[in-house]
C-alpha atoms as a PDB file:
ATOM      1  CA  UNK A   1      -0.406  -0.062  -0.278  1.00  0.00           C
ATOM      2  CA  UNK A   2       1.085   3.038  -0.803  1.00  0.00           C
ATOM      3  CA  UNK A   3       3.273   5.301   1.977  1.00  0.00           C
ATOM      4  CA  UNK A   4       0.471   8.615   2.495  1.00  0.00           C
ATOM      5  CA  UNK A   5       2.392  12.594   1.180  1.00  0.00           C
ATOM      6  CA  UNK A   6       3.242  12.867   5.046  1.00  0.00           C
ATOM      7  CA  UNK A   7       5.003   9.709   5.681  1.00  0.00           C
ATOM      8  CA  UNK A   8       7.098  10.123   1.747  1.00  0.00           C
ATOM      9  CA  UNK A   9       8.379  13.852   3.214  1.00  0.00           C
ATOM     10  CA  UNK A  10       9.738  12.630   6.189  1.00  0.00           C
ATOM     11  CA  UNK A  11      11.634   9.186   4.150  1.00  0.00           C
ATOM     12  CA  UNK A  12      12.762  12.437   1.867  1.00  0.00           C
ATOM     13  CA  UNK A  13      13.738  14.026   4.949  1.00  0.00           C
ATOM     14  CA  UNK A  14      16.003  11.242   6.757  1.00  0.00           C
ATOM     15  CA  UNK A  15      17.537   9.614   3.804  1.00  0.00           C
ATOM     16  CA  UNK A  16      18.946  13.133   2.694  1.00  0.00           C
ATOM     17  CA  UNK A  17      19.775  13.980   6.368  1.00  0.00           C
ATOM     18  CA  UNK A  18      21.350  11.027   6.187  1.00  0.00           C
ATOM     19  CA  UNK A  19      23.048  11.405   3.296  1.00  0.00           C
ATOM     20  CA  UNK A  20      24.894  14.781   4.337  1.00  0.00           C
ATOM     21  CA  UNK A  21      26.175  12.907   7.554  1.00  0.00           C
ATOM     22  CA  UNK A  22      27.952  10.627   5.696  1.00  0.00           C
ATOM     23  CA  UNK A  23      29.425  13.285   2.822  1.00  0.00           C
ATOM     24  CA  UNK A  24      30.022  15.783   6.074  1.00  0.00           C
ATOM     25  CA  UNK A  25      31.563  12.706   8.255  1.00  0.00           C
ATOM     26  CA  UNK A  26      33.432  11.144   6.662  1.00  0.00           C
ATOM     27  CA  UNK A  27      35.242  14.150   5.289  1.00  0.00           C
ATOM     28  CA  UNK A  28      35.404  15.009   8.875  1.00  0.00           C
ATOM     29  CA  UNK A  29      36.971  11.398   9.643  1.00  0.00           C
ATOM     30  CA  UNK A  30      39.327  11.089   6.410  1.00  0.00           C
ATOM     31  CA  UNK A  31      40.722  14.811   6.710  1.00  0.00           C
ATOM     32  CA  UNK A  32      41.758  14.135  10.466  1.00  0.00           C
ATOM     33  CA  UNK A  33      42.951  10.423   9.800  1.00  0.00           C
ATOM     34  CA  UNK A  34      45.085  11.078   6.298  1.00  0.00           C
ATOM     35  CA  UNK A  35      47.795  12.649   7.822  1.00  0.00           C
ATOM     36  CA  UNK A  36      47.323  15.234   5.040  1.00  0.00           C
ATOM     37  CA  UNK A  37      46.553  12.591   1.947  1.00  0.00           C
ATOM     38  CA  UNK A  38      44.502  14.448   0.177  1.00  0.00           C
ATOM     39  CA  UNK A  39      44.120  11.616  -2.830  1.00  0.00           C
ATOM     40  CA  UNK A  40      43.130   9.274   0.764  1.00  0.00           C
ATOM     41  CA  UNK A  41      40.690  11.415   2.296  1.00  0.00           C
ATOM     42  CA  UNK A  42      38.963  12.127  -0.943  1.00  0.00           C
ATOM     43  CA  UNK A  43      39.236   8.437  -1.582  1.00  0.00           C
ATOM     44  CA  UNK A  44      37.676   7.567   1.673  1.00  0.00           C
ATOM     45  CA  UNK A  45      35.485  10.314   1.946  1.00  0.00           C
ATOM     46  CA  UNK A  46      34.496   8.642  -1.557  1.00  0.00           C
ATOM     47  CA  UNK A  47      33.536   5.333  -0.780  1.00  0.00           C
ATOM     48  CA  UNK A  48      31.685   6.180   2.502  1.00  0.00           C
ATOM     49  CA  UNK A  49      29.163   8.574   0.606  1.00  0.00           C
ATOM     50  CA  UNK A  50      28.736   5.385  -2.450  1.00  0.00           C
ATOM     51  CA  UNK A  51      28.170   2.709   0.017  1.00  0.00           C
ATOM     52  CA  UNK A  52      25.747   5.122   2.317  1.00  0.00           C
ATOM     53  CA  UNK A  53      24.127   6.117  -0.916  1.00  0.00           C
ATOM     54  CA  UNK A  54      22.818   2.035  -2.031  1.00  0.00           C
ATOM     55  CA  UNK A  55      21.702   1.811   1.420  1.00  0.00           C
ATOM     56  CA  UNK A  56      19.873   4.775   1.773  1.00  0.00           C
ATOM     57  CA  UNK A  57      18.083   3.902  -1.872  1.00  0.00           C
ATOM     58  CA  UNK A  58      17.175   0.192  -0.070  1.00  0.00           C
ATOM     59  CA  UNK A  59      15.600   2.024   2.645  1.00  0.00           C
ATOM     60  CA  UNK A  60      13.590   4.863   1.941  1.00  0.00           C
ATOM     61  CA  UNK A  61      13.322   3.747  -1.937  1.00  0.00           C
ATOM     62  CA  UNK A  62      10.544   1.974  -0.999  1.00  0.00           C
ATOM     63  CA  UNK A  63       8.878   4.220   0.699  1.00  0.00           C
ATOM     64  CA  UNK A  64       9.726   7.475  -1.320  1.00  0.00           C
ATOM     65  CA  UNK A  65      11.428   6.721  -4.062  1.00  0.00           C
ATOM     66  CA  UNK A  66      14.592   7.544  -2.583  1.00  0.00           C
ATOM     67  CA  UNK A  67      14.953  10.878  -4.753  1.00  0.00           C
ATOM     68  CA  UNK A  68      16.994  12.594  -1.776  1.00  0.00           C
ATOM     69  CA  UNK A  69      18.208  15.139  -4.508  1.00  0.00           C
ATOM     70  CA  UNK A  70      15.872  18.470  -5.998  1.00  0.00           C
ATOM     71  CA  UNK A  71      16.582  17.908  -8.897  1.00  0.00           C
ATOM     72  CA  UNK A  72      15.428  14.449  -9.212  1.00  0.00           C
ATOM     73  CA  UNK A  73      12.672  15.182  -7.576  1.00  0.00           C
ATOM     74  CA  UNK A  74      11.666  17.885 -10.057  1.00  0.00           C
ATOM     75  CA  UNK A  75      12.785  16.265 -13.142  1.00  0.00           C
ATOM     76  CA  UNK A  76      10.676  12.886 -11.971  1.00  0.00           C
ATOM     77  CA  UNK A  77       7.074  15.337 -11.649  1.00  0.00           C
ATOM     78  CA  UNK A  78       8.049  17.406 -15.222  1.00  0.00           C
ATOM     79  CA  UNK A  79       7.687  13.636 -16.468  1.00  0.00           C
ATOM     80  CA  UNK A  80       4.620  12.777 -13.982  1.00  0.00           C
ATOM     81  CA  UNK A  81       5.934  10.169 -12.037  1.00  0.00           C
ATOM     82  CA  UNK A  82       5.406  12.477  -9.233  1.00  0.00           C
ATOM     83  CA  UNK A  83       2.868  14.824  -8.260  1.00  0.00           C
ATOM     84  CA  UNK A  84       3.992  18.839  -8.504  1.00  0.00           C
ATOM     85  CA  UNK A  85       1.617  18.406  -5.380  1.00  0.00           C
ATOM     86  CA  UNK A  86       4.795  15.937  -4.011  1.00  0.00           C
ATOM     87  CA  UNK A  87       7.549  18.144  -5.172  1.00  0.00           C
ATOM     88  CA  UNK A  88       6.504  20.717  -3.412  1.00  0.00           C
ATOM     89  CA  UNK A  89       6.684  18.956  -0.509  1.00  0.00           C
ATOM     90  CA  UNK A  90       9.349  16.087  -1.603  1.00  0.00           C
ATOM     91  CA  UNK A  91      12.143  19.646  -2.703  1.00  0.00           C
ATOM     92  CA  UNK A  92      11.344  20.901   1.373  1.00  0.00           C
ATOM     93  CA  UNK A  93      11.358  18.252   3.013  1.00  0.00           C
ATOM     94  CA  UNK A  94      14.880  17.332   1.188  1.00  0.00           C
ATOM     95  CA  UNK A  95      16.711  21.001   1.742  1.00  0.00           C
ATOM     96  CA  UNK A  96      15.598  20.681   5.537  1.00  0.00           C
ATOM     97  CA  UNK A  97      17.447  16.398   6.122  1.00  0.00           C
ATOM     98  CA  UNK A  98      20.507  18.114   4.127  1.00  0.00           C
ATOM     99  CA  UNK A  99      21.179  20.823   6.854  1.00  0.00           C
ATOM    100  CA  UNK A 100      19.958  18.794   9.494  1.00  0.00           C
ATOM    101  CA  UNK A 101      22.485  16.043   8.551  1.00  0.00           C
ATOM    102  CA  UNK A 102      25.455  19.145   8.468  1.00  0.00           C
ATOM    103  CA  UNK A 103      24.376  19.497  11.731  1.00  0.00           C
ATOM    104  CA  UNK A 104      24.474  15.968  13.384  1.00  0.00           C
ATOM    105  CA  UNK A 105      27.504  15.271  11.582  1.00  0.00           C
ATOM    106  CA  UNK A 106      29.011  18.326  13.432  1.00  0.00           C
ATOM    107  CA  UNK A 107      27.711  17.751  16.591  1.00  0.00           C
ATOM    108  CA  UNK A 108      29.124  13.759  16.007  1.00  0.00           C
ATOM    109  CA  UNK A 109      32.791  15.335  15.502  1.00  0.00           C
ATOM    110  CA  UNK A 110      32.413  18.099  18.658  1.00  0.00           C
ATOM    111  CA  UNK A 111      32.788  20.633  15.837  1.00  0.00           C
ATOM    112  CA  UNK A 112      30.666  23.807  16.051  1.00  0.00           C
ATOM    113  CA  UNK A 113      26.424  23.395  14.727  1.00  0.00           C
ATOM    114  CA  UNK A 114      27.009  25.189  12.082  1.00  0.00           C
ATOM    115  CA  UNK A 115      30.943  26.936  10.486  1.00  0.00           C
ATOM    116  CA  UNK A 116      30.783  28.766   6.844  1.00  0.00           C
ATOM    117  CA  UNK A 117      32.794  27.192   4.731  1.00  0.00           C
ATOM    118  CA  UNK A 118      35.572  29.005   3.710  1.00  0.00           C
ATOM    119  CA  UNK A 119      36.522  25.671   0.948  1.00  0.00           C
ATOM    120  CA  UNK A 120      36.968  28.335  -2.501  1.00  0.00           C
ATOM    121  CA  UNK A 121      34.722  26.194  -5.374  1.00  0.00           C
ATOM    122  CA  UNK A 122      34.393  28.264  -7.965  1.00  0.00           C
ATOM    123  CA  UNK A 123      35.468  28.753 -12.164  1.00  0.00           C
ATOM    124  CA  UNK A 124      33.782  27.581 -15.643  1.00  0.00           C
ATOM    125  CA  UNK A 125      35.489  24.423 -15.090  1.00  0.00           C
ATOM    126  CA  UNK A 126      33.941  23.808 -11.723  1.00  0.00           C
ATOM    127  CA  UNK A 127      30.626  24.544 -13.567  1.00  0.00           C
ATOM    128  CA  UNK A 128      31.279  22.198 -16.726  1.00  0.00           C
ATOM    129  CA  UNK A 129      31.709  19.511 -13.634  1.00  0.00           C
ATOM    130  CA  UNK A 130      28.546  19.982 -12.140  1.00  0.00           C
ATOM    131  CA  UNK A 131      26.456  20.456 -15.420  1.00  0.00           C
ATOM    132  CA  UNK A 132      28.261  16.888 -16.491  1.00  0.00           C
ATOM    133  CA  UNK A 133      27.473  15.223 -12.889  1.00  0.00           C
ATOM    134  CA  UNK A 134      23.980  16.031 -12.316  1.00  0.00           C
ATOM    135  CA  UNK A 135      23.618  15.070 -16.514  1.00  0.00           C
ATOM    136  CA  UNK A 136      25.051  11.571 -15.844  1.00  0.00           C
ATOM    137  CA  UNK A 137      23.676  10.510 -12.758  1.00  0.00           C
ATOM    138  CA  UNK A 138      19.897  11.568 -14.323  1.00  0.00           C
ATOM    139  CA  UNK A 139      21.366   9.748 -17.310  1.00  0.00           C
ATOM    140  CA  UNK A 140      22.155   7.112 -14.759  1.00  0.00           C
ATOM    141  CA  UNK A 141      18.376   7.727 -13.206  1.00  0.00           C
ATOM    142  CA  UNK A 142      16.267   7.287 -17.047  1.00  0.00           C
ATOM    143  CA  UNK A 143      17.947   4.751 -18.699  1.00  0.00           C
ATOM    144  CA  UNK A 144      17.755   2.790 -15.148  1.00  0.00           C
ATOM    145  CA  UNK A 145      13.872   4.080 -14.537  1.00  0.00           C
ATOM    146  CA  UNK A 146      12.375   1.193 -16.414  1.00  0.00           C
ATOM    147  CA  UNK A 147      12.835  -1.899 -14.415  1.00  0.00           C
ATOM    148  CA  UNK A 148      11.660  -1.925 -10.664  1.00  0.00           C
ATOM    149  CA  UNK A 149      15.156  -3.567  -9.834  1.00  0.00           C
ATOM    150  CA  UNK A 150      17.223  -2.991  -6.720  1.00  0.00           C
ATOM    151  CA  UNK A 151      20.421  -2.471  -9.203  1.00  0.00           C
ATOM    152  CA  UNK A 152      18.927   1.199  -9.436  1.00  0.00           C
ATOM    153  CA  UNK A 153      20.489   1.451  -6.214  1.00  0.00           C
ATOM    154  CA  UNK A 154      23.841   0.108  -7.322  1.00  0.00           C
ATOM    155  CA  UNK A 155      23.959   1.965 -10.484  1.00  0.00           C
ATOM    156  CA  UNK A 156      23.031   4.605  -9.071  1.00  0.00           C
ATOM    157  CA  UNK A 157      25.656   4.560  -6.060  1.00  0.00           C
ATOM    158  CA  UNK A 158      28.058   3.143  -8.413  1.00  0.00           C
ATOM    159  CA  UNK A 159      28.015   6.228 -10.741  1.00  0.00           C
ATOM    160  CA  UNK A 160      28.757   9.186  -8.082  1.00  0.00           C
ATOM    161  CA  UNK A 161      31.522   7.186  -6.418  1.00  0.00           C
ATOM    162  CA  UNK A 162      32.911   7.061 -10.110  1.00  0.00           C
ATOM    163  CA  UNK A 163      32.169  11.439 -10.620  1.00  0.00           C
ATOM    164  CA  UNK A 164      33.699  11.678  -6.969  1.00  0.00           C
ATOM    165  CA  UNK A 165      37.097  11.536  -9.400  1.00  0.00           C
ATOM    166  CA  UNK A 166      35.657  11.852 -13.076  1.00  0.00           C
ATOM    167  CA  UNK A 167      34.713  15.926 -12.172  1.00  0.00           C
ATOM    168  CA  UNK A 168      36.162  18.962 -10.832  1.00  0.00           C
ATOM    169  CA  UNK A 169      33.916  18.979  -8.622  1.00  0.00           C
ATOM    170  CA  UNK A 170      33.944  16.424  -6.701  1.00  0.00           C
ATOM    171  CA  UNK A 171      29.827  15.232  -8.118  1.00  0.00           C
ATOM    172  CA  UNK A 172      27.845  17.365  -5.977  1.00  0.00           C
ATOM    173  CA  UNK A 173      25.347  16.820  -8.611  1.00  0.00           C
ATOM    174  CA  UNK A 174      22.095  17.689  -6.141  1.00  0.00           C
ATOM    175  CA  UNK A 175      21.068  21.273  -4.979  1.00  0.00           C
ATOM    176  CA  UNK A 176      19.660  20.429  -1.067  1.00  0.00           C
ATOM    177  CA  UNK A 177      23.710  18.393  -0.805  1.00  0.00           C
ATOM    178  CA  UNK A 178      25.077  21.775  -2.093  1.00  0.00           C
ATOM    179  CA  UNK A 179      22.967  24.358   0.745  1.00  0.00           C
ATOM    180  CA  UNK A 180      24.367  21.832   3.365  1.00  0.00           C
ATOM    181  CA  UNK A 181      27.542  21.726   2.493  1.00  0.00           C
ATOM    182  CA  UNK A 182      28.281  25.826   2.990  1.00  0.00           C
ATOM    183  CA  UNK A 183      27.771  25.241   6.934  1.00  0.00           C
ATOM    184  CA  UNK A 184      30.481  22.839   7.621  1.00  0.00           C
ATOM    185  CA  UNK A 185      33.878  24.665   6.971  1.00  0.00           C
ATOM    186  CA  UNK A 186      35.834  21.371   6.646  1.00  0.00           C
ATOM    187  CA  UNK A 187      36.716  18.900   4.100  1.00  0.00           C
ATOM    188  CA  UNK A 188      33.228  18.391   2.370  1.00  0.00           C
ATOM    189  CA  UNK A 189      32.935  22.041   2.308  1.00  0.00           C
ATOM    190  CA  UNK A 190      31.530  24.957   0.105  1.00  0.00           C
ATOM    191  CA  UNK A 191      31.313  29.011   0.277  1.00  0.00           C
ATOM    192  CA  UNK A 192      28.214  30.036  -0.019  1.00  0.00           C
ATOM    193  CA  UNK A 193      29.146  32.159  -2.944  1.00  0.00           C
ATOM    194  CA  UNK A 194      29.975  29.781  -4.813  1.00  0.00           C
ATOM    195  CA  UNK A 195      26.979  27.605  -4.099  1.00  0.00           C
ATOM    196  CA  UNK A 196      24.807  29.664  -6.816  1.00  0.00           C
ATOM    197  CA  UNK A 197      27.074  28.594 -10.159  1.00  0.00           C
ATOM    198  CA  UNK A 198      27.169  24.650  -8.859  1.00  0.00           C
ATOM    199  CA  UNK A 199      22.658  25.330  -8.599  1.00  0.00           C
ATOM    200  CA  UNK A 200      22.483  25.980 -11.839  1.00  0.00           C
ATOM    201  CA  UNK A 201      24.365  23.892 -13.418  1.00  0.00           C
ATOM    202  CA  UNK A 202      22.852  20.890 -11.593  1.00  0.00           C
ATOM    203  CA  UNK A 203      19.447  22.451 -12.680  1.00  0.00           C
ATOM    204  CA  UNK A 204      20.615  22.612 -16.171  1.00  0.00           C
ATOM    205  CA  UNK A 205      22.745  18.741 -16.120  1.00  0.00           C
ATOM    206  CA  UNK A 206      19.519  18.093 -15.361  1.00  0.00           C
ATOM    207  CA  UNK A 207      16.881  19.126 -17.441  1.00  0.00           C
ATOM    208  CA  UNK A 208      19.554  18.683 -20.662  1.00  0.00           C
ATOM    209  CA  UNK A 209      19.196  14.824 -19.330  1.00  0.00           C
ATOM    210  CA  UNK A 210      15.966  14.530 -19.035  1.00  0.00           C
ATOM    211  CA  UNK A 211      15.063  16.893 -22.743  1.00  0.00           C
ATOM    212  CA  UNK A 212      17.705  13.832 -24.295  1.00  0.00           C
ATOM    213  CA  UNK A 213      15.128  10.452 -22.757  1.00  0.00           C
ATOM    214  CA  UNK A 214      11.579  11.937 -23.289  1.00  0.00           C
ATOM    215  CA  UNK A 215      13.187  11.872 -26.699  1.00  0.00           C
ATOM    216  CA  UNK A 216      15.063   8.724 -26.563  1.00  0.00           C
ATOM    217  CA  UNK A 217      12.757   7.226 -24.908  1.00  0.00           C
ATOM    218  CA  UNK A 218       8.732   8.238 -25.589  1.00  0.00           C
ATOM    219  CA  UNK A 219       7.677   6.567 -23.468  1.00  0.00           C
ATOM    220  CA  UNK A 220       9.707   8.051 -20.123  1.00  0.00           C
ATOM    221  CA  UNK A 221       6.160   8.812 -18.791  1.00  0.00           C
ATOM    222  CA  UNK A 222       5.656   5.758 -18.491  1.00  0.00           C
ATOM    223  CA  UNK A 223       7.660   4.441 -15.760  1.00  0.00           C
ATOM    224  CA  UNK A 224       9.335   7.699 -14.515  1.00  0.00           C
ATOM    225  CA  UNK A 225       7.198   6.525 -11.143  1.00  0.00           C
ATOM    226  CA  UNK A 226      10.217   4.267 -10.486  1.00  0.00           C
ATOM    227  CA  UNK A 227      12.706   6.855 -10.298  1.00  0.00           C
ATOM    228  CA  UNK A 228      14.506   5.565  -8.499  1.00  0.00           C
ATOM    229  CA  UNK A 229      12.838   2.766  -6.403  1.00  0.00           C
ATOM    230  CA  UNK A 230       9.742   1.157  -7.091  1.00  0.00           C
ATOM    231  CA  UNK A 231       6.987   3.383  -4.150  1.00  0.00           C
ATOM    232  CA  UNK A 232       3.907   2.550  -5.473  1.00  0.00           C
ATOM    233  CA  UNK A 233       1.532  -0.449  -6.447  1.00  0.00           C
ATOM    234  CA  UNK A 234       1.531  -0.049 -10.285  1.00  0.00           C
ATOM    235  CA  UNK A 235       3.666   2.490 -12.348  1.00  0.00           C
ATOM    236  CA  UNK A 236       3.140   5.770 -12.716  1.00  0.00           C
ATOM    237  CA  UNK A 237       0.783   7.139 -16.342  1.00  0.00           C
ATOM    238  CA  UNK A 238       1.216   9.527 -18.173  1.00  0.00           C
ATOM    239  CA  UNK A 239      -1.222  12.540 -17.032  1.00  0.00           C
ATOM    240  CA  UNK A 240      -1.649  11.270 -13.114  1.00  0.00           C
END
């Protein structure tokens, strides 16, 4: 039976909170233990994030779809996988969850609950990286959306793990995560002044991938309800 909208919004809140706690917390731990080796710290941060993402999609996917990302929810609403009413509930929950995740991660490592990041991430290369990272993420999601399979979670987790390394921005690919990471002046942080550039690139990448897949797969709206995992008793249909 399909969960109520409040339950699904809470699912998105919790899932995004745990995702950000994994990103920020593993970044802090990695920085402390890597002895100044940035490559090793990034590797630890990457593995923890990818593993957490797989687990969270498997856990929360059957409830809300485990979007955990405003771009995913927006694009899914455009393709009628969820209603605009659902989208309006999901997105604030994701942003609130992300901020909560950062606060919790900071608290777990005895840091100030909120510390504005001074980590510089700016310039055309960063914008391009976030566009590519988010385009690729939505491409993976739309490519897998026709199959109601737990393997979708591994595809998404695997992609994000790889994108940490092939993009100059380390693949934020998520506006809620971007805003949340402004609030921790640690390894995973980003300056607030750089966040708008990232978010614009993420929206552009997600929308571009969605439009491309709408052209390549005309039946896309019929399976859009499967993003990321099926969370209803039957596939969504056009006009839902």
